Amino acid sequence: MSFRNDLLVVCGFVAGEAARFGVIGNRAAMLVIAAGEVAGQLIESGPVRAGGVASVRVWARDGALHCHFEGPRGWRAPKSPEPRLRDHVRVTANGPTVTLTLPPQTRA
């Protein structure tokens, strides 16, 4: 999904995709919060404010849920999400891309 400035649409998209892949409740909320942080940084960045377009996509693989952002040329990915989420969501940042990974749920 491409976006420019609508954080609520991005968060709604990520939440909907998480539910589509069976991730609900607190686990989905952690991914949506982290995705909102990345999307917010993209929206506030110079390249997007100047008319650039960013994109987000979500997929599941091997029990993990991945949320990938790609910013416009000139955007640099943030280093990490909020400290409270680091134990729950892995972040891989490289140039203008960020991938958030919600690991598979462990059974107690």
Protein backbone atom coordinates (compact mmCIF):
# COMPACT_ATOMS: atom_id res chain seq x y z
CA MET A 1 0.00 0.00 0.00
CA SER A 2 1.37 3.43 -0.89
CA PHE A 3 0.87 6.39 1.42
CA ARG A 4 1.82 10.01 1.90
CA ASN A 5 0.34 11.50 5.05
CA ASP A 6 -2.41 9.39 6.61
CA LEU A 7 -1.07 7.63 9.68
CA LEU A 8 -4.47 6.20 10.62
CA VAL A 9 -4.84 4.53 7.24
CA VAL A 10 -1.39 2.93 7.57
CA CYS A 11 -2.13 1.67 11.10
CA GLY A 12 -5.53 0.38 10.00
CA PHE A 13 -3.95 -1.42 7.06
CA VAL A 14 -1.33 -3.09 9.29
CA ALA A 15 -3.99 -4.09 11.85
CA GLY A 16 -6.21 -5.53 9.12
CA GLU A 17 -3.36 -7.49 7.60
CA ALA A 18 -2.33 -8.80 11.02
CA ALA A 19 -5.89 -10.03 11.61
CA ARG A 20 -5.98 -11.59 8.13
CA PHE A 21 -2.92 -13.63 9.11
CA GLY A 22 -4.46 -14.60 12.48
CA VAL A 23 -2.49 -12.19 14.67
CA ILE A 24 -4.86 -10.39 17.05
CA GLY A 25 -4.91 -8.80 20.48
CA ASN A 26 -1.75 -7.60 22.19
CA ARG A 27 0.57 -9.14 19.59
CA ALA A 28 -1.17 -7.26 16.80
CA ALA A 29 -1.15 -4.07 18.89
CA MET A 30 2.64 -4.26 19.33
CA LEU A 31 3.13 -4.51 15.57
CA VAL A 32 0.67 -1.70 14.89
CA ILE A 33 2.38 0.59 17.43
CA ALA A 34 5.81 -0.10 15.93
CA ALA A 35 4.43 0.38 12.41
CA GLY A 36 2.83 3.66 13.49
CA GLU A 37 6.20 4.90 14.74
CA VAL A 38 7.92 4.10 11.44
CA ALA A 39 5.05 5.52 9.38
CA GLY A 40 5.01 8.67 11.53
CA GLN A 41 8.71 9.20 10.93
CA LEU A 42 8.16 8.70 7.21
CA ILE A 43 5.26 11.14 7.12
CA GLU A 44 7.23 13.78 9.00
CA SER A 45 10.34 13.34 6.86
CA GLY A 46 11.43 15.89 4.33
CA PRO A 47 11.07 13.63 1.26
CA VAL A 48 7.46 12.68 2.03
CA ARG A 49 6.52 16.24 2.99
CA ALA A 50 7.96 17.34 -0.34
CA GLY A 51 5.57 15.05 -2.21
CA GLY A 52 7.35 11.70 -2.01
CA VAL A 53 5.46 8.46 -1.55
CA ALA A 54 6.21 5.67 0.93
CA SER A 55 4.90 2.11 0.92
CA VAL A 56 4.10 -0.63 3.40
CA ARG A 57 3.38 -4.31 2.91
CA VAL A 58 2.71 -7.15 5.34
CA TRP A 59 3.28 -10.87 4.95
CA ALA A 60 3.61 -14.01 7.06
CA ARG A 61 6.43 -16.53 6.78
CA ASP A 62 7.43 -19.41 9.04
CA GLY A 63 5.03 -18.29 11.77
CA ALA A 64 6.42 -14.73 11.92
CA LEU A 65 4.61 -11.62 10.67
CA HIS A 66 6.66 -9.08 8.71
CA CYS A 67 5.81 -5.44 8.03
CA HIS A 68 8.06 -3.77 5.45
CA PHE A 69 8.28 -0.02 4.85
CA GLU A 70 10.05 1.63 1.97
CA GLY A 71 10.60 5.36 2.04
CA PRO A 72 11.21 7.72 -0.83
CA ARG A 73 14.68 8.54 -2.09
CA GLY A 74 16.58 10.52 0.51
CA TRP A 75 14.83 9.03 3.55
CA ARG A 76 16.93 7.22 6.13
CA ALA A 77 15.33 4.51 8.24
CA PRO A 78 15.02 5.01 12.01
CA LYS A 79 17.35 3.01 14.19
CA SER A 80 14.77 1.23 16.36
CA PRO A 81 11.24 1.36 17.77
CA GLU A 82 10.36 2.55 21.24
CA PRO A 83 12.39 0.78 23.96
CA ARG A 84 9.27 -0.91 25.36
CA LEU A 85 8.76 -2.76 22.06
CA ARG A 86 12.28 -4.01 21.43
CA ASP A 87 11.59 -7.26 23.28
CA HIS A 88 8.58 -7.98 21.05
CA VAL A 89 9.29 -6.58 17.58
CA ARG A 90 12.57 -7.02 15.69
CA VAL A 91 13.67 -4.15 13.49
CA THR A 92 15.88 -4.43 10.44
CA ALA A 93 16.75 -1.08 8.88
CA ASN A 94 18.76 -0.56 5.73
CA GLY A 95 18.87 2.75 3.88
CA PRO A 96 15.31 3.73 2.99
CA THR A 97 13.74 0.46 4.17
CA VAL A 98 12.58 -0.87 7.53
CA THR A 99 11.23 -4.34 8.20
CA LEU A 100 9.43 -5.02 11.47
CA THR A 101 9.19 -8.69 12.45
CA LEU A 102 6.83 -10.08 15.02
CA PRO A 103 8.30 -13.49 15.90
CA PRO A 104 6.10 -16.57 16.06
CA GLN A 105 4.05 -16.86 19.22
CA THR A 106 5.62 -19.21 21.71
CA ARG A 107 3.46 -21.73 23.48
CA ALA A 108 3.68 -21.79 27.27
